[in-house]
């Protein structure tokens, strides 16, 4: 898994899959989770919306962890501009 450390993301759409975020801040972002292959430590989220594949059992777990976050099921055919994360 690729590590991303101490970065600030603002007004971006990011796919969490395949990344381990450490100490990152997400401000007014859209975060997409389609698999369980991601991790995060000591990250902050402000004004951020999570889109989670409803087939994942992780959806219920994340919902309880992020009471202040805006969580949504990822719907088929949703059009989102995804920003690539530099590796």
N, C-alpha and C. Protein backbone atom coordinates (compact mmCIF):
# COMPACT_ATOMS: atom_id res chain seq x y z
N UNK A 1 0.84 -1.17 0.00
CA UNK A 1 0.00 0.00 0.00
C UNK A 1 0.89 1.24 0.00
N UNK A 2 0.56 2.19 -0.85
CA UNK A 2 1.32 3.43 -0.96
C UNK A 2 1.02 4.36 0.21
N UNK A 3 2.06 4.88 0.86
CA UNK A 3 1.87 5.82 1.97
C UNK A 3 1.82 7.25 1.47
N UNK A 4 0.90 8.02 2.06
CA UNK A 4 0.79 9.45 1.79
C UNK A 4 0.83 10.11 3.16
N UNK A 5 1.85 10.96 3.39
CA UNK A 5 2.06 11.50 4.73
C UNK A 5 1.98 13.02 4.76
N UNK A 6 1.32 13.53 5.82
CA UNK A 6 1.32 14.95 6.17
C UNK A 6 0.96 15.87 5.01
N UNK A 7 -0.04 15.50 4.22
CA UNK A 7 -0.48 16.35 3.13
C UNK A 7 -1.84 16.95 3.43
N UNK A 8 -2.09 18.10 2.88
CA UNK A 8 -3.39 18.77 3.01
C UNK A 8 -4.06 18.71 1.65
N UNK A 9 -5.27 18.16 1.63
CA UNK A 9 -6.07 18.08 0.41
C UNK A 9 -7.26 18.99 0.60
N UNK A 10 -7.50 19.87 -0.37
CA UNK A 10 -8.62 20.80 -0.26
C UNK A 10 -9.37 20.85 -1.59
N UNK A 11 -10.70 20.69 -1.49
CA UNK A 11 -11.58 20.75 -2.67
C UNK A 11 -11.16 19.74 -3.74
N UNK A 12 -10.83 18.52 -3.32
CA UNK A 12 -10.41 17.48 -4.25
C UNK A 12 -11.28 16.25 -4.08
N UNK A 13 -11.30 15.43 -5.13
CA UNK A 13 -11.95 14.12 -5.09
C UNK A 13 -10.84 13.09 -5.09
N UNK A 14 -10.86 12.22 -4.07
CA UNK A 14 -9.74 11.28 -3.88
C UNK A 14 -10.29 9.87 -3.66
N UNK A 15 -9.69 8.92 -4.36
CA UNK A 15 -10.00 7.51 -4.14
C UNK A 15 -9.06 7.00 -3.07
N UNK A 16 -9.64 6.51 -1.96
CA UNK A 16 -8.83 6.02 -0.84
C UNK A 16 -8.16 4.68 -1.13
N UNK A 17 -8.73 3.90 -2.02
CA UNK A 17 -8.27 2.53 -2.27
C UNK A 17 -6.79 2.48 -2.62
N UNK A 18 -6.06 1.60 -1.94
CA UNK A 18 -4.66 1.38 -2.22
C UNK A 18 -3.69 2.33 -1.52
N UNK A 19 -4.21 3.20 -0.66
CA UNK A 19 -3.35 4.18 0.01
C UNK A 19 -3.46 4.07 1.52
N UNK A 20 -2.38 4.43 2.19
CA UNK A 20 -2.34 4.56 3.65
C UNK A 20 -2.03 6.02 3.93
N UNK A 21 -3.04 6.75 4.39
CA UNK A 21 -2.89 8.17 4.69
C UNK A 21 -2.48 8.34 6.15
N UNK A 22 -1.41 9.11 6.38
CA UNK A 22 -0.90 9.33 7.73
C UNK A 22 -0.78 10.83 7.97
N UNK A 23 -1.49 11.32 8.98
CA UNK A 23 -1.40 12.73 9.34
C UNK A 23 -1.87 13.70 8.27
N UNK A 24 -2.80 13.29 7.44
CA UNK A 24 -3.29 14.14 6.36
C UNK A 24 -4.55 14.88 6.79
N UNK A 25 -4.81 16.00 6.13
CA UNK A 25 -6.03 16.77 6.37
C UNK A 25 -6.82 16.82 5.08
N UNK A 26 -8.13 16.62 5.20
CA UNK A 26 -9.03 16.66 4.06
C UNK A 26 -10.06 17.74 4.32
N UNK A 27 -10.05 18.79 3.50
CA UNK A 27 -10.93 19.94 3.69
C UNK A 27 -11.83 20.06 2.45
N UNK A 28 -13.14 19.96 2.68
CA UNK A 28 -14.11 20.07 1.59
C UNK A 28 -13.79 19.12 0.43
N UNK A 29 -13.46 17.89 0.77
CA UNK A 29 -13.11 16.90 -0.24
C UNK A 29 -14.23 15.89 -0.42
N UNK A 30 -14.14 15.13 -1.48
CA UNK A 30 -14.98 13.96 -1.69
C UNK A 30 -14.03 12.77 -1.66
N UNK A 31 -14.29 11.84 -0.75
CA UNK A 31 -13.44 10.65 -0.61
C UNK A 31 -14.24 9.44 -1.06
N UNK A 32 -13.65 8.65 -1.94
CA UNK A 32 -14.33 7.49 -2.51
C UNK A 32 -13.65 6.22 -2.01
N UNK A 33 -14.48 5.30 -1.49
CA UNK A 33 -13.98 4.02 -0.99
C UNK A 33 -14.75 2.92 -1.70
N UNK A 34 -14.04 2.12 -2.52
CA UNK A 34 -14.70 1.04 -3.24
C UNK A 34 -14.18 -0.34 -2.84
N UNK A 35 -13.16 -0.36 -1.98
CA UNK A 35 -12.63 -1.64 -1.49
C UNK A 35 -12.10 -1.42 -0.08
N UNK A 36 -11.74 -2.49 0.57
CA UNK A 36 -11.20 -2.40 1.92
C UNK A 36 -9.70 -2.24 1.96
N UNK A 37 -9.09 -1.95 0.80
CA UNK A 37 -7.63 -1.86 0.74
C UNK A 37 -7.16 -0.42 0.93
N UNK A 38 -7.37 0.12 2.12
CA UNK A 38 -6.89 1.45 2.46
C UNK A 38 -6.71 1.51 3.97
N UNK A 39 -5.98 2.52 4.42
CA UNK A 39 -5.80 2.71 5.85
C UNK A 39 -5.52 4.19 6.09
N UNK A 40 -5.72 4.64 7.31
CA UNK A 40 -5.43 6.02 7.67
C UNK A 40 -5.14 6.11 9.15
N UNK A 41 -4.23 7.00 9.50
CA UNK A 41 -3.85 7.26 10.90
C UNK A 41 -3.75 8.76 11.10
N UNK A 42 -4.33 9.26 12.19
CA UNK A 42 -4.20 10.65 12.60
C UNK A 42 -4.58 11.65 11.51
N UNK A 43 -5.62 11.35 10.74
CA UNK A 43 -6.10 12.26 9.70
C UNK A 43 -7.27 13.08 10.23
N UNK A 44 -7.48 14.25 9.63
CA UNK A 44 -8.61 15.09 10.00
C UNK A 44 -9.48 15.34 8.76
N UNK A 45 -10.78 15.52 9.01
CA UNK A 45 -11.75 15.68 7.93
C UNK A 45 -12.66 16.85 8.28
N UNK A 46 -12.71 17.85 7.41
CA UNK A 46 -13.60 18.99 7.62
C UNK A 46 -14.37 19.26 6.33
N UNK A 47 -15.69 19.23 6.43
CA UNK A 47 -16.53 19.48 5.27
C UNK A 47 -16.35 18.43 4.19
N UNK A 48 -16.00 17.22 4.58
CA UNK A 48 -15.67 16.16 3.64
C UNK A 48 -16.81 15.15 3.53
N UNK A 49 -17.05 14.68 2.31
CA UNK A 49 -18.08 13.70 2.05
C UNK A 49 -17.42 12.38 1.66
N UNK A 50 -17.84 11.30 2.30
CA UNK A 50 -17.35 9.96 1.97
C UNK A 50 -18.40 9.27 1.10
N UNK A 51 -17.95 8.71 -0.03
CA UNK A 51 -18.79 7.85 -0.85
C UNK A 51 -18.24 6.44 -0.71
N UNK A 52 -19.08 5.53 -0.21
CA UNK A 52 -18.63 4.17 0.09
C UNK A 52 -19.47 3.19 -0.69
N UNK A 53 -18.82 2.22 -1.32
CA UNK A 53 -19.54 1.17 -2.02
C UNK A 53 -20.43 0.45 -1.03
N UNK A 54 -21.75 0.42 -1.25
CA UNK A 54 -22.66 -0.18 -0.27
C UNK A 54 -22.48 -1.68 -0.10
N UNK A 55 -21.74 -2.32 -1.00
CA UNK A 55 -21.49 -3.75 -0.86
C UNK A 55 -20.43 -4.06 0.20
N UNK A 56 -19.72 -3.04 0.64
CA UNK A 56 -18.66 -3.23 1.64
C UNK A 56 -19.25 -3.28 3.04
N UNK A 57 -18.83 -4.25 3.82
CA UNK A 57 -19.26 -4.30 5.21
C UNK A 57 -18.61 -3.19 6.02
N UNK A 58 -17.57 -2.61 5.48
CA UNK A 58 -16.86 -1.55 6.18
C UNK A 58 -17.72 -0.29 6.30
N UNK A 59 -18.76 -0.18 5.51
CA UNK A 59 -19.61 1.01 5.53
C UNK A 59 -20.15 1.27 6.93
N UNK A 60 -20.66 0.27 7.60
CA UNK A 60 -21.21 0.47 8.95
C UNK A 60 -20.12 0.87 9.94
N UNK A 61 -18.95 0.29 9.81
CA UNK A 61 -17.84 0.62 10.70
C UNK A 61 -17.43 2.08 10.52
N UNK A 62 -17.26 2.51 9.30
CA UNK A 62 -16.84 3.89 9.04
C UNK A 62 -17.90 4.88 9.48
N UNK A 63 -19.17 4.51 9.33
CA UNK A 63 -20.24 5.43 9.72
C UNK A 63 -20.17 5.72 11.22
N UNK A 64 -19.85 4.71 12.01
CA UNK A 64 -19.76 4.94 13.46
C UNK A 64 -18.51 5.73 13.83
N UNK A 65 -17.45 5.64 13.03
CA UNK A 65 -16.22 6.36 13.32
C UNK A 65 -16.30 7.83 12.94
N UNK A 66 -17.08 8.16 11.95
CA UNK A 66 -17.12 9.52 11.43
C UNK A 66 -18.51 10.12 11.57
N UNK A 67 -18.90 10.36 12.79
CA UNK A 67 -20.23 10.92 13.02
C UNK A 67 -20.36 12.31 12.43
N UNK A 68 -19.27 13.06 12.33
CA UNK A 68 -19.30 14.41 11.78
C UNK A 68 -19.15 14.43 10.26
N UNK A 69 -18.82 13.29 9.67
CA UNK A 69 -18.61 13.24 8.23
C UNK A 69 -19.93 12.98 7.52
N UNK A 70 -19.97 13.37 6.27
CA UNK A 70 -21.14 13.16 5.44
C UNK A 70 -20.92 11.89 4.63
N UNK A 71 -21.55 10.79 5.04
CA UNK A 71 -21.34 9.49 4.40
C UNK A 71 -22.47 9.18 3.43
N UNK A 72 -22.11 8.66 2.25
CA UNK A 72 -23.10 8.30 1.25
C UNK A 72 -22.71 6.98 0.62
N UNK A 73 -23.71 6.24 0.16
CA UNK A 73 -23.44 5.05 -0.62
C UNK A 73 -23.05 5.50 -2.02
N UNK A 74 -22.06 4.85 -2.60
CA UNK A 74 -21.61 5.16 -3.95
C UNK A 74 -22.59 4.52 -4.92
N UNK A 75 -23.22 5.34 -5.73
CA UNK A 75 -24.24 4.85 -6.66
C UNK A 75 -23.63 4.58 -8.02
N UNK A 76 -24.20 3.58 -8.71
CA UNK A 76 -23.75 3.29 -10.07
C UNK A 76 -23.97 4.49 -10.96
N UNK A 77 -23.02 4.77 -11.81
CA UNK A 77 -23.16 5.84 -12.78
C UNK A 77 -22.89 7.23 -12.24
N UNK A 78 -22.43 7.34 -11.00
CA UNK A 78 -22.14 8.67 -10.46
C UNK A 78 -20.92 9.22 -11.16
N UNK A 79 -20.97 10.48 -11.54
CA UNK A 79 -19.86 11.11 -12.25
C UNK A 79 -19.09 12.00 -11.29
N UNK A 80 -17.86 11.64 -11.01
CA UNK A 80 -17.01 12.43 -10.11
C UNK A 80 -15.67 12.66 -10.79
N UNK A 81 -15.15 13.86 -10.66
CA UNK A 81 -13.80 14.15 -11.15
C UNK A 81 -12.82 13.70 -10.09
N UNK A 82 -11.99 12.74 -10.40
CA UNK A 82 -11.08 12.16 -9.44
C UNK A 82 -9.69 12.73 -9.64
N UNK A 83 -9.08 13.18 -8.56
CA UNK A 83 -7.75 13.76 -8.61
C UNK A 83 -6.74 12.66 -8.29
N UNK A 84 -5.74 12.51 -9.14
CA UNK A 84 -4.71 11.51 -8.89
C UNK A 84 -3.79 11.99 -7.78
N UNK A 85 -3.37 11.08 -6.96
CA UNK A 85 -2.46 11.40 -5.86
C UNK A 85 -1.04 11.09 -6.33
N UNK A 86 -0.17 12.08 -6.18
CA UNK A 86 1.22 11.86 -6.59
C UNK A 86 1.87 10.85 -5.68
N UNK A 87 2.57 9.92 -6.29
CA UNK A 87 3.21 8.85 -5.51
C UNK A 87 4.68 9.10 -5.40
